[in-house]
Amino acid sequence: MAVFILGGGKVTLALHGSTHQVGGSDVLDLRGLQGGWLTADVIGNRPAASKRDRYFYATDSGALYWDNGFTWVMIAAAALGDWVLKLVDTVYQAATDGVVMANNNSLLGGSLLGLTDSSTPPTVVRRQWSISNAYGGITFTVKKNDYWKVTYPYPMLSVWWIPSGL
């Protein structure tokens, strides 16, 4: 397990030593109190929620959680997730806010459309680019729980999704 240590005006992450070893210590919170106010580990090792106003940083996802006494609530996360390659003319529902980027990989003409709204399939065109013998692309944002898709009349297209942390 890891703990956050306050020192020299900054917070650093350190491995928690055993209390039975030289240099070991009990878990301390940033206020210097006993009890592990802010701990860090992989999400699978997060303790059950039950102690209001403690925090847990998931080292495997970059998310910060707050214990409200009953459940863990995600309050912050890494800014962006990993790029994911998606298919053209396929409807997706966004589990988080995110960004879609579509690139034309050929010199074929046509309209490249980015659609997103709360309907399935989405009907509102948020971004459009008419391609005439040129490479190019579109980028548009998608709200959490909205549906989105990219349409293009030819298969020569790369569609990428990058989720936000929350």
Protein backbone atom coordinates (compact mmCIF):
# COMPACT_ATOMS: atom_id res chain seq x y z
CA MET A 1 0.00 0.00 0.00
CA ALA A 2 1.11 3.60 -0.59
CA VAL A 3 0.43 6.76 1.38
CA PHE A 4 0.74 10.45 0.62
CA ILE A 5 3.29 12.36 2.69
CA LEU A 6 3.31 16.12 3.17
CA GLY A 7 6.77 17.63 3.42
CA GLY A 8 8.69 20.62 2.15
CA GLY A 9 5.50 22.27 0.90
CA LYS A 10 4.55 19.42 -1.44
CA VAL A 11 2.74 16.10 -1.38
CA THR A 12 4.64 12.99 -2.46
CA LEU A 13 3.63 9.36 -2.87
CA ALA A 14 5.65 6.83 -0.86
CA LEU A 15 5.38 3.14 -0.13
CA HIS A 16 4.02 2.46 3.34
CA GLY A 17 6.65 0.69 5.41
CA SER A 18 5.80 -1.93 7.98
CA THR A 19 5.52 -0.63 11.54
CA HIS A 20 7.84 -3.48 12.49
CA GLN A 21 10.73 -2.33 10.28
CA VAL A 22 13.22 0.47 10.68
CA GLY A 23 11.69 3.56 9.05
CA GLY A 24 8.19 2.06 9.13
CA SER A 25 5.18 4.07 10.23
CA ASP A 26 1.46 3.89 10.68
CA VAL A 27 -0.68 5.43 7.95
CA LEU A 28 -1.03 9.17 8.59
CA ASP A 29 -3.31 11.65 6.91
CA LEU A 30 -2.08 15.00 5.56
CA ARG A 31 -3.20 16.71 8.76
CA GLY A 32 -0.88 14.44 10.76
CA LEU A 33 -3.74 12.42 12.26
CA GLN A 34 -3.88 8.66 12.58
CA GLY A 35 -6.29 6.84 10.33
CA GLY A 36 -5.22 6.95 6.69
CA TRP A 37 -7.16 10.04 5.56
CA LEU A 38 -5.65 9.74 2.05
CA THR A 39 -4.38 6.38 0.81
CA ALA A 40 -3.36 5.09 -2.59
CA ASP A 41 -3.42 1.63 -4.12
CA VAL A 42 -4.99 -0.22 -7.06
CA ILE A 43 -8.79 0.03 -7.12
CA GLY A 44 -9.18 -3.64 -6.21
CA ASN A 45 -7.56 -2.94 -2.83
CA ARG A 46 -9.81 0.01 -1.94
CA PRO A 47 -11.46 -0.61 1.45
CA ALA A 48 -15.22 -0.64 1.88
CA ALA A 49 -16.77 2.80 2.26
CA SER A 50 -17.67 3.52 5.88
CA LYS A 51 -15.55 6.43 7.15
CA ARG A 52 -16.81 9.81 5.96
CA ASP A 53 -14.24 12.31 4.63
CA ARG A 54 -11.41 9.97 3.77
CA TYR A 55 -9.99 9.75 0.25
CA PHE A 56 -8.61 6.99 -1.95
CA TYR A 57 -6.39 7.48 -5.01
CA ALA A 58 -6.57 4.58 -7.50
CA THR A 59 -3.05 4.21 -8.89
CA ASP A 60 -4.23 2.03 -11.79
CA SER A 61 -6.79 4.51 -13.18
CA GLY A 62 -5.70 7.89 -11.80
CA ALA A 63 -9.10 8.45 -10.17
CA LEU A 64 -9.58 10.11 -6.78
CA TYR A 65 -12.50 8.91 -4.62
CA TRP A 66 -14.22 10.41 -1.55
CA ASP A 67 -15.85 8.22 1.11
CA ASN A 68 -19.21 9.78 2.04
CA GLY A 69 -19.73 7.20 4.79
CA PHE A 70 -21.84 4.92 2.61
CA THR A 71 -20.20 4.70 -0.81
CA TRP A 72 -17.09 5.85 -2.66
CA VAL A 73 -17.74 8.83 -4.97
CA MET A 74 -15.33 9.58 -7.83
CA ILE A 75 -14.42 13.25 -7.53
CA ALA A 76 -11.49 13.53 -9.95
CA ALA A 77 -9.78 11.43 -12.56
CA ALA A 78 -7.02 11.50 -15.10
CA ALA A 79 -7.73 14.14 -17.73
CA LEU A 80 -7.97 11.78 -20.70
CA GLY A 81 -8.15 8.05 -21.21
CA ASP A 82 -6.52 5.98 -23.95
CA TRP A 83 -7.29 6.38 -27.66
CA VAL A 84 -9.72 3.73 -28.95
CA LEU A 85 -10.19 2.94 -32.64
CA LYS A 86 -13.90 2.85 -33.63
CA LEU A 87 -15.91 1.94 -36.73
CA VAL A 88 -17.54 4.23 -39.31
CA ASP A 89 -21.38 4.28 -39.42
CA THR A 90 -21.69 2.64 -36.01
CA VAL A 91 -23.68 4.16 -33.14
CA TYR A 92 -21.89 4.37 -29.79
CA GLN A 93 -23.06 5.60 -26.38
CA ALA A 94 -20.49 7.61 -24.43
CA ALA A 95 -19.83 6.27 -20.92
CA THR A 96 -17.91 9.52 -20.20
CA ASP A 97 -17.50 12.89 -21.84
CA GLY A 98 -15.03 12.58 -24.67
CA VAL A 99 -13.67 13.61 -28.05
CA VAL A 100 -14.13 11.97 -31.46
CA MET A 101 -11.61 12.49 -34.23
CA ALA A 102 -12.20 11.15 -37.77
CA ASN A 103 -9.61 11.30 -40.55
CA ASN A 104 -10.17 10.77 -44.26
CA ASN A 105 -7.38 8.50 -45.49
CA SER A 106 -8.07 8.77 -49.21
CA LEU A 107 -8.53 11.34 -51.96
CA LEU A 108 -12.15 10.32 -52.52
CA GLY A 109 -14.75 13.08 -52.14
CA GLY A 110 -17.87 13.11 -49.97
CA SER A 111 -19.31 14.50 -46.77
CA LEU A 112 -17.76 13.51 -43.48
CA LEU A 113 -20.37 13.94 -40.69
CA GLY A 114 -20.10 13.83 -36.91
CA LEU A 115 -23.46 13.34 -35.20
CA THR A 116 -24.23 13.33 -31.49
CA ASP A 117 -27.27 13.84 -29.24
CA SER A 118 -29.39 11.91 -26.73
CA SER A 119 -31.22 9.93 -29.46
CA THR A 120 -30.25 6.58 -30.86
CA PRO A 121 -29.31 6.84 -33.62
CA PRO A 122 -28.13 10.44 -33.22
CA THR A 123 -29.62 12.93 -35.69
CA VAL A 124 -27.94 16.27 -34.90
CA VAL A 125 -24.92 17.03 -37.07
CA ARG A 126 -22.34 18.71 -34.82
CA ARG A 127 -19.48 18.74 -37.32
CA GLN A 128 -19.37 18.39 -41.09
CA TRP A 129 -16.67 18.60 -43.69
CA SER A 130 -17.20 18.24 -47.44
CA ILE A 131 -14.18 16.57 -48.91
CA SER A 132 -13.17 17.18 -52.51
CA ASN A 133 -10.08 15.22 -53.47
CA ALA A 134 -8.24 16.11 -50.27
CA TYR A 135 -7.17 14.54 -47.01
CA GLY A 136 -8.77 15.97 -43.90
CA GLY A 137 -10.88 15.27 -40.88
CA ILE A 138 -13.26 16.42 -38.16
CA THR A 139 -13.12 16.60 -34.38
CA PHE A 140 -16.10 17.00 -32.03
CA THR A 141 -16.96 16.56 -28.37
CA VAL A 142 -19.55 14.17 -26.96
CA LYS A 143 -21.38 14.47 -23.64
CA LYS A 144 -21.57 11.55 -21.22
CA ASN A 145 -24.54 9.23 -22.00
CA ASP A 146 -25.14 10.81 -25.44
CA TYR A 147 -25.00 8.73 -28.61
CA TRP A 148 -22.59 9.47 -31.43
CA LYS A 149 -21.48 8.24 -34.84
CA VAL A 150 -19.37 9.28 -37.79
CA THR A 151 -20.62 8.77 -41.34
CA TYR A 152 -18.68 8.81 -44.59
CA PRO A 153 -19.57 7.19 -47.94
CA TYR A 154 -16.24 5.35 -48.29
CA PRO A 155 -14.41 2.89 -45.99
CA MET A 156 -11.11 4.80 -46.06
CA LEU A 157 -11.57 6.50 -42.70
CA SER A 158 -10.04 6.31 -39.23
CA VAL A 159 -12.36 7.09 -36.30
CA TRP A 160 -10.84 7.57 -32.86
CA TRP A 161 -12.52 8.05 -29.47
CA ILE A 162 -10.70 9.45 -26.43
CA PRO A 163 -12.69 9.47 -23.17
CA SER A 164 -12.30 12.06 -20.47
CA GLY A 165 -11.41 10.93 -16.98
CA LEU A 166 -14.91 11.32 -15.57
